[in-house]
C-alpha atoms as a PDB file:
ATOM      1  CA  UNK A   1     -24.890 -10.434 -13.056  1.00  0.00           C
ATOM      2  CA  UNK A   2     -22.736  -8.074 -15.027  1.00  0.00           C
ATOM      3  CA  UNK A   3     -18.964  -8.753 -15.128  1.00  0.00           C
ATOM      4  CA  UNK A   4     -16.155  -6.197 -14.597  1.00  0.00           C
ATOM      5  CA  UNK A   5     -15.988  -3.343 -16.918  1.00  0.00           C
ATOM      6  CA  UNK A   6     -13.281  -2.933 -19.565  1.00  0.00           C
ATOM      7  CA  UNK A   7     -11.625  -0.166 -17.576  1.00  0.00           C
ATOM      8  CA  UNK A   8     -11.300  -2.373 -14.561  1.00  0.00           C
ATOM      9  CA  UNK A   9      -9.920  -5.240 -16.583  1.00  0.00           C
ATOM     10  CA  UNK A  10      -7.347  -2.917 -18.210  1.00  0.00           C
ATOM     11  CA  UNK A  11      -6.361  -1.452 -14.856  1.00  0.00           C
ATOM     12  CA  UNK A  12      -5.850  -4.860 -13.379  1.00  0.00           C
ATOM     13  CA  UNK A  13      -3.694  -5.951 -16.337  1.00  0.00           C
ATOM     14  CA  UNK A  14      -1.635  -2.768 -16.082  1.00  0.00           C
ATOM     15  CA  UNK A  15      -1.001  -3.288 -12.384  1.00  0.00           C
ATOM     16  CA  UNK A  16       0.052  -6.847 -13.009  1.00  0.00           C
ATOM     17  CA  UNK A  17       2.496  -5.907 -15.790  1.00  0.00           C
ATOM     18  CA  UNK A  18       4.652  -3.621 -13.576  1.00  0.00           C
ATOM     19  CA  UNK A  19       4.889  -6.056 -10.709  1.00  0.00           C
ATOM     20  CA  UNK A  20       8.407  -7.573 -10.566  1.00  0.00           C
ATOM     21  CA  UNK A  21       8.854 -11.227 -10.955  1.00  0.00           C
ATOM     22  CA  UNK A  22       9.194 -13.320  -7.899  1.00  0.00           C
ATOM     23  CA  UNK A  23      12.877 -13.694  -6.869  1.00  0.00           C
ATOM     24  CA  UNK A  24      14.261 -11.132  -9.395  1.00  0.00           C
ATOM     25  CA  UNK A  25      16.500  -8.425  -7.864  1.00  0.00           C
ATOM     26  CA  UNK A  26      15.116  -5.006  -7.939  1.00  0.00           C
ATOM     27  CA  UNK A  27      17.264  -2.313  -9.642  1.00  0.00           C
ATOM     28  CA  UNK A  28      17.988   0.641  -7.367  1.00  0.00           C
ATOM     29  CA  UNK A  29      17.032   4.032  -8.568  1.00  0.00           C
ATOM     30  CA  UNK A  30      19.937   5.944 -10.208  1.00  0.00           C
ATOM     31  CA  UNK A  31      21.058   9.023  -8.335  1.00  0.00           C
ATOM     32  CA  UNK A  32      21.827  12.172 -10.177  1.00  0.00           C
ATOM     33  CA  UNK A  33      25.549  12.728 -10.942  1.00  0.00           C
ATOM     34  CA  UNK A  34      27.394  15.142  -8.746  1.00  0.00           C
ATOM     35  CA  UNK A  35      29.813  15.416  -5.815  1.00  0.00           C
ATOM     36  CA  UNK A  36      29.230  13.400  -2.661  1.00  0.00           C
ATOM     37  CA  UNK A  37      26.957  15.144  -0.237  1.00  0.00           C
ATOM     38  CA  UNK A  38      28.603  17.232   2.386  1.00  0.00           C
ATOM     39  CA  UNK A  39      31.753  18.024   0.291  1.00  0.00           C
ATOM     40  CA  UNK A  40      32.374  21.386  -1.144  1.00  0.00           C
ATOM     41  CA  UNK A  41      34.410  22.179  -4.282  1.00  0.00           C
ATOM     42  CA  UNK A  42      37.948  20.558  -4.335  1.00  0.00           C
ATOM     43  CA  UNK A  43      40.765  22.874  -3.302  1.00  0.00           C
ATOM     44  CA  UNK A  44      44.562  22.765  -3.784  1.00  0.00           C
ATOM     45  CA  UNK A  45      47.333  22.818  -1.159  1.00  0.00           C
ATOM     46  CA  UNK A  46      49.047  25.681   0.544  1.00  0.00           C
ATOM     47  CA  UNK A  47      49.981  27.291  -2.757  1.00  0.00           C
ATOM     48  CA  UNK A  48      46.312  27.719  -3.761  1.00  0.00           C
ATOM     49  CA  UNK A  49      45.211  28.814  -0.302  1.00  0.00           C
ATOM     50  CA  UNK A  50      47.858  31.572   0.064  1.00  0.00           C
ATOM     51  CA  UNK A  51      47.812  34.761  -1.942  1.00  0.00           C
ATOM     52  CA  UNK A  52      50.609  35.082  -4.492  1.00  0.00           C
ATOM     53  CA  UNK A  53      52.266  37.967  -2.648  1.00  0.00           C
ATOM     54  CA  UNK A  54      52.501  36.005   0.583  1.00  0.00           C
ATOM     55  CA  UNK A  55      53.960  33.010  -1.257  1.00  0.00           C
ATOM     56  CA  UNK A  56      56.702  35.212  -2.679  1.00  0.00           C
ATOM     57  CA  UNK A  57      57.522  36.505   0.795  1.00  0.00           C
ATOM     58  CA  UNK A  58      57.821  32.955   2.131  1.00  0.00           C
ATOM     59  CA  UNK A  59      60.104  31.957  -0.728  1.00  0.00           C
ATOM     60  CA  UNK A  60      62.288  35.004  -0.136  1.00  0.00           C
ATOM     61  CA  UNK A  61      62.565  34.219   3.587  1.00  0.00           C
ATOM     62  CA  UNK A  62      63.505  30.598   2.790  1.00  0.00           C
ATOM     63  CA  UNK A  63      66.159  31.743   0.318  1.00  0.00           C
ATOM     64  CA  UNK A  64      67.651  34.157   2.860  1.00  0.00           C
ATOM     65  CA  UNK A  65      67.768  31.447   5.505  1.00  0.00           C
ATOM     66  CA  UNK A  66      69.398  28.983   3.103  1.00  0.00           C
ATOM     67  CA  UNK A  67      71.949  31.574   1.994  1.00  0.00           C
ATOM     68  CA  UNK A  68      72.734  32.448   5.578  1.00  0.00           C
ATOM     69  CA  UNK A  69      73.253  28.805   6.461  1.00  0.00           C
ATOM     70  CA  UNK A  70      75.559  28.296   3.461  1.00  0.00           C
ATOM     71  CA  UNK A  71      77.529  31.434   4.300  1.00  0.00           C
ATOM     72  CA  UNK A  72      77.943  30.357   7.886  1.00  0.00           C
ATOM     73  CA  UNK A  73      79.102  26.893   6.784  1.00  0.00           C
ATOM     74  CA  UNK A  74      81.683  28.386   4.397  1.00  0.00           C
ATOM     75  CA  UNK A  75      82.995  31.222   6.541  1.00  0.00           C
ATOM     76  CA  UNK A  76      81.873  30.791  10.134  1.00  0.00           C
ATOM     77  CA  UNK A  77      82.009  27.096  10.904  1.00  0.00           C
ATOM     78  CA  UNK A  78      85.060  24.939  11.632  1.00  0.00           C
ATOM     79  CA  UNK A  79      83.937  22.283   9.153  1.00  0.00           C
ATOM     80  CA  UNK A  80      85.484  23.886   6.042  1.00  0.00           C
ATOM     81  CA  UNK A  81      88.783  25.289   7.300  1.00  0.00           C
ATOM     82  CA  UNK A  82      92.140  25.078   5.484  1.00  0.00           C
ATOM     83  CA  UNK A  83      94.251  22.817   7.676  1.00  0.00           C
ATOM     84  CA  UNK A  84      96.810  21.182   5.329  1.00  0.00           C
ATOM     85  CA  UNK A  85      98.685  21.668   2.045  1.00  0.00           C
ATOM     86  CA  UNK A  86      99.380  18.788  -0.341  1.00  0.00           C
ATOM     87  CA  UNK A  87     102.072  19.014  -3.064  1.00  0.00           C
ATOM     88  CA  UNK A  88     102.191  16.870  -6.215  1.00  0.00           C
ATOM     89  CA  UNK A  89     104.416  16.889  -9.305  1.00  0.00           C
ATOM     90  CA  UNK A  90     107.624  18.028  -7.580  1.00  0.00           C
ATOM     91  CA  UNK A  91     110.683  16.077  -8.736  1.00  0.00           C
ATOM     92  CA  UNK A  92     113.783  18.153  -8.056  1.00  0.00           C
ATOM     93  CA  UNK A  93     112.055  20.523  -5.669  1.00  0.00           C
ATOM     94  CA  UNK A  94     110.983  19.092  -2.333  1.00  0.00           C
ATOM     95  CA  UNK A  95     107.386  19.362  -1.068  1.00  0.00           C
ATOM     96  CA  UNK A  96     108.647  21.427   1.875  1.00  0.00           C
ATOM     97  CA  UNK A  97     110.281  23.935  -0.506  1.00  0.00           C
ATOM     98  CA  UNK A  98     107.026  24.295  -2.403  1.00  0.00           C
ATOM     99  CA  UNK A  99     104.949  24.680   0.773  1.00  0.00           C
ATOM    100  CA  UNK A 100     107.317  27.293   2.142  1.00  0.00           C
ATOM    101  CA  UNK A 101     107.224  29.355  -1.056  1.00  0.00           C
ATOM    102  CA  UNK A 102     103.434  29.034  -1.305  1.00  0.00           C
ATOM    103  CA  UNK A 103     103.003  30.494   2.197  1.00  0.00           C
ATOM    104  CA  UNK A 104      99.406  29.281   2.563  1.00  0.00           C
ATOM    105  CA  UNK A 105      97.676  30.721   5.630  1.00  0.00           C
ATOM    106  CA  UNK A 106      96.159  27.785   7.486  1.00  0.00           C
ATOM    107  CA  UNK A 107      93.253  27.901   9.902  1.00  0.00           C
ATOM    108  CA  UNK A 108      91.060  30.269   7.898  1.00  0.00           C
ATOM    109  CA  UNK A 109      88.036  29.411   5.756  1.00  0.00           C
ATOM    110  CA  UNK A 110      89.021  27.260   2.784  1.00  0.00           C
ATOM    111  CA  UNK A 111      86.783  29.322   0.499  1.00  0.00           C
ATOM    112  CA  UNK A 112      88.791  32.474   1.232  1.00  0.00           C
ATOM    113  CA  UNK A 113      92.148  31.002   0.104  1.00  0.00           C
ATOM    114  CA  UNK A 114      93.530  33.264  -2.646  1.00  0.00           C
ATOM    115  CA  UNK A 115      94.659  30.727  -5.256  1.00  0.00           C
ATOM    116  CA  UNK A 116      95.915  33.348  -7.725  1.00  0.00           C
ATOM    117  CA  UNK A 117      98.175  34.945  -5.129  1.00  0.00           C
ATOM    118  CA  UNK A 118      99.619  31.551  -4.184  1.00  0.00           C
ATOM    119  CA  UNK A 119     100.398  30.750  -7.826  1.00  0.00           C
ATOM    120  CA  UNK A 120     102.138  34.092  -8.263  1.00  0.00           C
ATOM    121  CA  UNK A 121     104.245  33.582  -5.130  1.00  0.00           C
ATOM    122  CA  UNK A 122     105.350  30.160  -6.317  1.00  0.00           C
ATOM    123  CA  UNK A 123     106.374  31.347  -9.782  1.00  0.00           C
ATOM    124  CA  UNK A 124     108.310  34.282  -8.341  1.00  0.00           C
ATOM    125  CA  UNK A 125     110.092  32.300  -5.631  1.00  0.00           C
ATOM    126  CA  UNK A 126     110.835  29.103  -7.592  1.00  0.00           C
ATOM    127  CA  UNK A 127     111.831  29.693 -11.246  1.00  0.00           C
ATOM    128  CA  UNK A 128     112.123  25.939 -11.682  1.00  0.00           C
ATOM    129  CA  UNK A 129     108.322  25.806 -11.677  1.00  0.00           C
ATOM    130  CA  UNK A 130     106.991  26.042 -15.227  1.00  0.00           C
ATOM    131  CA  UNK A 131     103.349  26.027 -14.147  1.00  0.00           C
ATOM    132  CA  UNK A 132     101.323  25.416 -11.015  1.00  0.00           C
ATOM    133  CA  UNK A 133      97.663  24.912 -10.281  1.00  0.00           C
ATOM    134  CA  UNK A 134      96.262  25.673  -6.843  1.00  0.00           C
ATOM    135  CA  UNK A 135      93.024  23.896  -5.986  1.00  0.00           C
ATOM    136  CA  UNK A 136      90.714  23.708  -2.997  1.00  0.00           C
ATOM    137  CA  UNK A 137      90.040  20.117  -2.001  1.00  0.00           C
ATOM    138  CA  UNK A 138      87.071  20.122   0.333  1.00  0.00           C
ATOM    139  CA  UNK A 139      86.746  20.074   3.226  1.00  0.00           C
ATOM    140  CA  UNK A 140      90.243  20.982   4.512  1.00  0.00           C
ATOM    141  CA  UNK A 141      93.013  20.747   1.869  1.00  0.00           C
ATOM    142  CA  UNK A 142      94.818  23.166  -0.444  1.00  0.00           C
ATOM    143  CA  UNK A 143      96.378  21.227  -3.355  1.00  0.00           C
ATOM    144  CA  UNK A 144      99.486  22.469  -5.210  1.00  0.00           C
ATOM    145  CA  UNK A 145      99.986  20.707  -8.560  1.00  0.00           C
ATOM    146  CA  UNK A 146     103.435  21.608  -9.848  1.00  0.00           C
ATOM    147  CA  UNK A 147     105.051  21.131 -13.274  1.00  0.00           C
ATOM    148  CA  UNK A 148     108.816  21.661 -13.212  1.00  0.00           C
ATOM    149  CA  UNK A 149     110.927  22.961 -16.062  1.00  0.00           C
ATOM    150  CA  UNK A 150     113.102  20.368 -17.763  1.00  0.00           C
ATOM    151  CA  UNK A 151     116.670  21.295 -18.758  1.00  0.00           C
ATOM    152  CA  UNK A 152     117.360  20.954 -22.470  1.00  0.00           C
ATOM    153  CA  UNK A 153     120.840  22.440 -22.282  1.00  0.00           C
ATOM    154  CA  UNK A 154     123.308  23.785 -19.714  1.00  0.00           C
ATOM    155  CA  UNK A 155     125.946  26.489 -19.768  1.00  0.00           C
ATOM    156  CA  UNK A 156     128.928  26.664 -17.465  1.00  0.00           C
ATOM    157  CA  UNK A 157     129.348  29.996 -15.727  1.00  0.00           C
ATOM    158  CA  UNK A 158     132.900  30.876 -14.723  1.00  0.00           C
ATOM    159  CA  UNK A 159     131.618  33.841 -12.722  1.00  0.00           C
ATOM    160  CA  UNK A 160     129.797  31.400 -10.470  1.00  0.00           C
ATOM    161  CA  UNK A 161     132.751  29.176  -9.798  1.00  0.00           C
ATOM    162  CA  UNK A 162     132.175  26.934 -12.783  1.00  0.00           C
ATOM    163  CA  UNK A 163     128.664  25.987 -11.732  1.00  0.00           C
ATOM    164  CA  UNK A 164     126.091  25.032 -14.335  1.00  0.00           C
ATOM    165  CA  UNK A 165     122.996  26.970 -15.372  1.00  0.00           C
ATOM    166  CA  UNK A 166     120.044  24.919 -16.564  1.00  0.00           C
ATOM    167  CA  UNK A 167     118.064  26.197 -19.564  1.00  0.00           C
ATOM    168  CA  UNK A 168     114.667  24.875 -20.646  1.00  0.00           C
ATOM    169  CA  UNK A 169     113.290  24.483 -24.157  1.00  0.00           C
ATOM    170  CA  UNK A 170     112.039  28.075 -24.179  1.00  0.00           C
ATOM    171  CA  UNK A 171     115.503  29.447 -23.432  1.00  0.00           C
ATOM    172  CA  UNK A 172     114.704  30.286 -19.793  1.00  0.00           C
ATOM    173  CA  UNK A 173     117.615  30.047 -17.375  1.00  0.00           C
ATOM    174  CA  UNK A 174     115.861  28.690 -14.336  1.00  0.00           C
ATOM    175  CA  UNK A 175     118.402  27.094 -11.964  1.00  0.00           C
ATOM    176  CA  UNK A 176     122.082  26.951 -11.055  1.00  0.00           C
ATOM    177  CA  UNK A 177     123.462  23.579  -9.975  1.00  0.00           C
ATOM    178  CA  UNK A 178     126.834  22.287  -8.820  1.00  0.00           C
ATOM    179  CA  UNK A 179     126.804  19.166 -10.977  1.00  0.00           C
ATOM    180  CA  UNK A 180     125.840  18.919 -14.622  1.00  0.00           C
ATOM    181  CA  UNK A 181     122.670  16.797 -14.977  1.00  0.00           C
ATOM    182  CA  UNK A 182     123.135  13.612 -16.961  1.00  0.00           C
ATOM    183  CA  UNK A 183     121.912  13.418 -20.527  1.00  0.00           C
ATOM    184  CA  UNK A 184     121.801  17.207 -20.983  1.00  0.00           C
ATOM    185  CA  UNK A 185     124.151  18.727 -23.602  1.00  0.00           C
ATOM    186  CA  UNK A 186     126.445  21.607 -22.748  1.00  0.00           C
ATOM    187  CA  UNK A 187     125.843  24.755 -24.768  1.00  0.00           C
ATOM    188  CA  UNK A 188     128.848  26.761 -25.870  1.00  0.00           C
ATOM    189  CA  UNK A 189     128.438  30.057 -27.729  1.00  0.00           C
ATOM    190  CA  UNK A 190     131.806  30.727 -29.415  1.00  0.00           C
ATOM    191  CA  UNK A 191     131.440  33.349 -32.151  1.00  0.00           C
ATOM    192  CA  UNK A 192     134.307  33.138 -34.597  1.00  0.00           C
ATOM    193  CA  UNK A 193     136.061  36.154 -36.081  1.00  0.00           C
ATOM    194  CA  UNK A 194     134.257  35.478 -39.340  1.00  0.00           C
ATOM    195  CA  UNK A 195     130.943  35.570 -37.469  1.00  0.00           C
ATOM    196  CA  UNK A 196     131.398  39.075 -36.066  1.00  0.00           C
ATOM    197  CA  UNK A 197     128.615  40.404 -38.281  1.00  0.00           C
ATOM    198  CA  UNK A 198     126.289  37.643 -37.106  1.00  0.00           C
ATOM    199  CA  UNK A 199     127.119  38.411 -33.486  1.00  0.00           C
ATOM    200  CA  UNK A 200     126.448  42.117 -33.965  1.00  0.00           C
ATOM    201  CA  UNK A 201     123.156  41.396 -35.682  1.00  0.00           C
ATOM    202  CA  UNK A 202     121.758  38.757 -33.323  1.00  0.00           C
ATOM    203  CA  UNK A 203     123.688  39.180 -30.075  1.00  0.00           C
ATOM    204  CA  UNK A 204     124.891  36.409 -27.752  1.00  0.00           C
ATOM    205  CA  UNK A 205     121.469  35.898 -26.183  1.00  0.00           C
ATOM    206  CA  UNK A 206     119.853  35.209 -29.558  1.00  0.00           C
ATOM    207  CA  UNK A 207     122.670  32.836 -30.490  1.00  0.00           C
ATOM    208  CA  UNK A 208     122.161  31.024 -27.200  1.00  0.00           C
ATOM    209  CA  UNK A 209     118.443  30.645 -27.930  1.00  0.00           C
ATOM    210  CA  UNK A 210     119.308  29.163 -31.336  1.00  0.00           C
ATOM    211  CA  UNK A 211     121.496  26.585 -29.598  1.00  0.00           C
ATOM    212  CA  UNK A 212     118.644  25.732 -27.225  1.00  0.00           C
ATOM    213  CA  UNK A 213     116.330  25.495 -30.219  1.00  0.00           C
ATOM    214  CA  UNK A 214     118.588  22.808 -31.649  1.00  0.00           C
ATOM    215  CA  UNK A 215     118.682  20.930 -28.335  1.00  0.00           C
ATOM    216  CA  UNK A 216     114.886  21.017 -28.142  1.00  0.00           C
ATOM    217  CA  UNK A 217     114.604  19.549 -31.665  1.00  0.00           C
ATOM    218  CA  UNK A 218     116.854  16.567 -30.929  1.00  0.00           C
ATOM    219  CA  UNK A 219     115.251  13.188 -30.273  1.00  0.00           C
ATOM    220  CA  UNK A 220     115.649  12.113 -26.657  1.00  0.00           C
ATOM    221  CA  UNK A 221     118.186   9.374 -27.449  1.00  0.00           C
ATOM    222  CA  UNK A 222     120.317  11.701 -29.590  1.00  0.00           C
ATOM    223  CA  UNK A 223     120.186  14.461 -26.969  1.00  0.00           C
ATOM    224  CA  UNK A 224     121.436  12.002 -24.357  1.00  0.00           C
ATOM    225  CA  UNK A 225     124.430  11.207 -26.626  1.00  0.00           C
ATOM    226  CA  UNK A 226     125.176  14.890 -27.314  1.00  0.00           C
ATOM    227  CA  UNK A 227     128.022  16.251 -25.249  1.00  0.00           C
ATOM    228  CA  UNK A 228     128.271  19.803 -26.615  1.00  0.00           C
ATOM    229  CA  UNK A 229     126.313  22.123 -28.880  1.00  0.00           C
ATOM    230  CA  UNK A 230     128.680  24.730 -30.339  1.00  0.00           C
ATOM    231  CA  UNK A 231     127.250  27.925 -31.758  1.00  0.00           C
ATOM    232  CA  UNK A 232     129.726  29.938 -33.857  1.00  0.00           C
ATOM    233  CA  UNK A 233     127.148  31.981 -35.751  1.00  0.00           C
ATOM    234  CA  UNK A 234     123.452  31.965 -36.501  1.00  0.00           C
ATOM    235  CA  UNK A 235     123.830  29.414 -39.305  1.00  0.00           C
ATOM    236  CA  UNK A 236     126.911  27.544 -38.010  1.00  0.00           C
ATOM    237  CA  UNK A 237     125.889  25.178 -35.231  1.00  0.00           C
ATOM    238  CA  UNK A 238     127.575  21.819 -34.669  1.00  0.00           C
ATOM    239  CA  UNK A 239     127.021  18.934 -32.266  1.00  0.00           C
ATOM    240  CA  UNK A 240     129.669  16.823 -30.596  1.00  0.00           C
ATOM    241  CA  UNK A 241     128.378  13.342 -29.819  1.00  0.00           C
ATOM    242  CA  UNK A 242     129.848  10.500 -27.835  1.00  0.00           C
ATOM    243  CA  UNK A 243     132.391   8.379 -29.694  1.00  0.00           C
ATOM    244  CA  UNK A 244     134.101  11.453 -31.207  1.00  0.00           C
ATOM    245  CA  UNK A 245     131.281  11.953 -33.674  1.00  0.00           C
ATOM    246  CA  UNK A 246     130.410  15.371 -35.109  1.00  0.00           C
ATOM    247  CA  UNK A 247     127.170  16.652 -36.623  1.00  0.00           C
ATOM    248  CA  UNK A 248     126.987  19.705 -38.854  1.00  0.00           C
ATOM    249  CA  UNK A 249     123.561  21.134 -38.096  1.00  0.00           C
ATOM    250  CA  UNK A 250     123.667  24.551 -39.741  1.00  0.00           C
ATOM    251  CA  UNK A 251     121.065  27.024 -38.454  1.00  0.00           C
ATOM    252  CA  UNK A 252     118.315  26.236 -35.978  1.00  0.00           C
ATOM    253  CA  UNK A 253     115.702  26.285 -38.731  1.00  0.00           C
ATOM    254  CA  UNK A 254     113.913  23.114 -39.954  1.00  0.00           C
ATOM    255  CA  UNK A 255     114.825  21.345 -36.746  1.00  0.00           C
ATOM    256  CA  UNK A 256     112.309  18.494 -37.075  1.00  0.00           C
ATOM    257  CA  UNK A 257     113.442  17.596 -40.594  1.00  0.00           C
ATOM    258  CA  UNK A 258     117.097  17.679 -39.538  1.00  0.00           C
ATOM    259  CA  UNK A 259     116.372  15.498 -36.512  1.00  0.00           C
ATOM    260  CA  UNK A 260     114.693  12.881 -38.720  1.00  0.00           C
ATOM    261  CA  UNK A 261     117.593  12.942 -41.202  1.00  0.00           C
ATOM    262  CA  UNK A 262     120.157  12.577 -38.395  1.00  0.00           C
ATOM    263  CA  UNK A 263     118.289   9.655 -36.833  1.00  0.00           C
ATOM    264  CA  UNK A 264     118.248   7.861 -40.202  1.00  0.00           C
ATOM    265  CA  UNK A 265     121.949   8.555 -40.787  1.00  0.00           C
ATOM    266  CA  UNK A 266     122.971   7.264 -37.370  1.00  0.00           C
ATOM    267  CA  UNK A 267     121.217   3.975 -38.111  1.00  0.00           C
ATOM    268  CA  UNK A 268     122.391   3.627 -41.714  1.00  0.00           C
ATOM    269  CA  UNK A 269     126.034   4.688 -41.240  1.00  0.00           C
ATOM    270  CA  UNK A 270     126.977   3.296 -37.860  1.00  0.00           C
ATOM    271  CA  UNK A 271     130.705   3.471 -38.572  1.00  0.00           C
ATOM    272  CA  UNK A 272     130.705   7.118 -39.658  1.00  0.00           C
ATOM    273  CA  UNK A 273     132.016   9.892 -37.432  1.00  0.00           C
ATOM    274  CA  UNK A 274     130.834  12.959 -39.333  1.00  0.00           C
ATOM    275  CA  UNK A 275     127.247  13.699 -40.264  1.00  0.00           C
ATOM    276  CA  UNK A 276     125.888  16.677 -42.156  1.00  0.00           C
ATOM    277  CA  UNK A 277     122.179  17.505 -41.932  1.00  0.00           C
ATOM    278  CA  UNK A 278     122.444  21.235 -42.663  1.00  0.00           C
ATOM    279  CA  UNK A 279     120.432  20.408 -45.797  1.00  0.00           C
ATOM    280  CA  UNK A 280     118.006  17.765 -44.502  1.00  0.00           C
ATOM    281  CA  UNK A 281     116.837  16.839 -47.999  1.00  0.00           C
ATOM    282  CA  UNK A 282     120.413  15.769 -48.864  1.00  0.00           C
ATOM    283  CA  UNK A 283     122.046  14.483 -45.640  1.00  0.00           C
ATOM    284  CA  UNK A 284     125.531  13.008 -45.750  1.00  0.00           C
ATOM    285  CA  UNK A 285     127.790  10.852 -43.599  1.00  0.00           C
ATOM    286  CA  UNK A 286     131.524  10.315 -43.864  1.00  0.00           C
ATOM    287  CA  UNK A 287     134.542   9.044 -41.952  1.00  0.00           C
ATOM    288  CA  UNK A 288     135.618   5.653 -40.732  1.00  0.00           C
END
């Protein structure tokens, strides 16, 4: 009896070769790459779904609403109202004097406070104020930061009953007081007959400013010991110190160099009663 043909034997071998081994896991068929079924193309948020023109409209509406809310908070609400005034930096002036001169309108919106107008009112009403800064301190306060003028010299005014006029380092007469402040030299402009030409050329006001210029140049300790600054001409200014000491200063020029020379002389010649710093490069001291 004839056996199986070659074709049959080959077919049987082929079928046997593709049969998986017993117990070996079968590998699932690989699916083609792509998006999960049932999902369309990925889309963005609201920005991608709305046309550009409509997005711009929405942004504009939001900006208007935000601006309206801010405007109402600043001007319409009671949250940001000016209800008090705080004063700092006043030494001779009282806080009540500063508040009265400032004349801040309370109860209105803090944002509408006119700081420039308040500063101008203070400078006009109180010459003692050298500078002032008006600030809004949210939510309810107007702050007044004051810097007062400091007297560097005084002059006695017979026309005002012998009262004293305070003068700052810039030569500004800013206040009249009944009592001379301590540690401030008295300024006396006394043009001599020989200084008539100087007086005609410069005038008493210029001579007074030269005297103040000398007072401003003095070290604090020396100024406190200076009783009088006498101005007889532009280049003839002398100081009268405590202890019957006299200083020949000369003109108001080279004030810093003269102040340094005088300070050195006062330390080196403690027993002297006359000092000459009119030429600061060659100062001199004499007397007992």
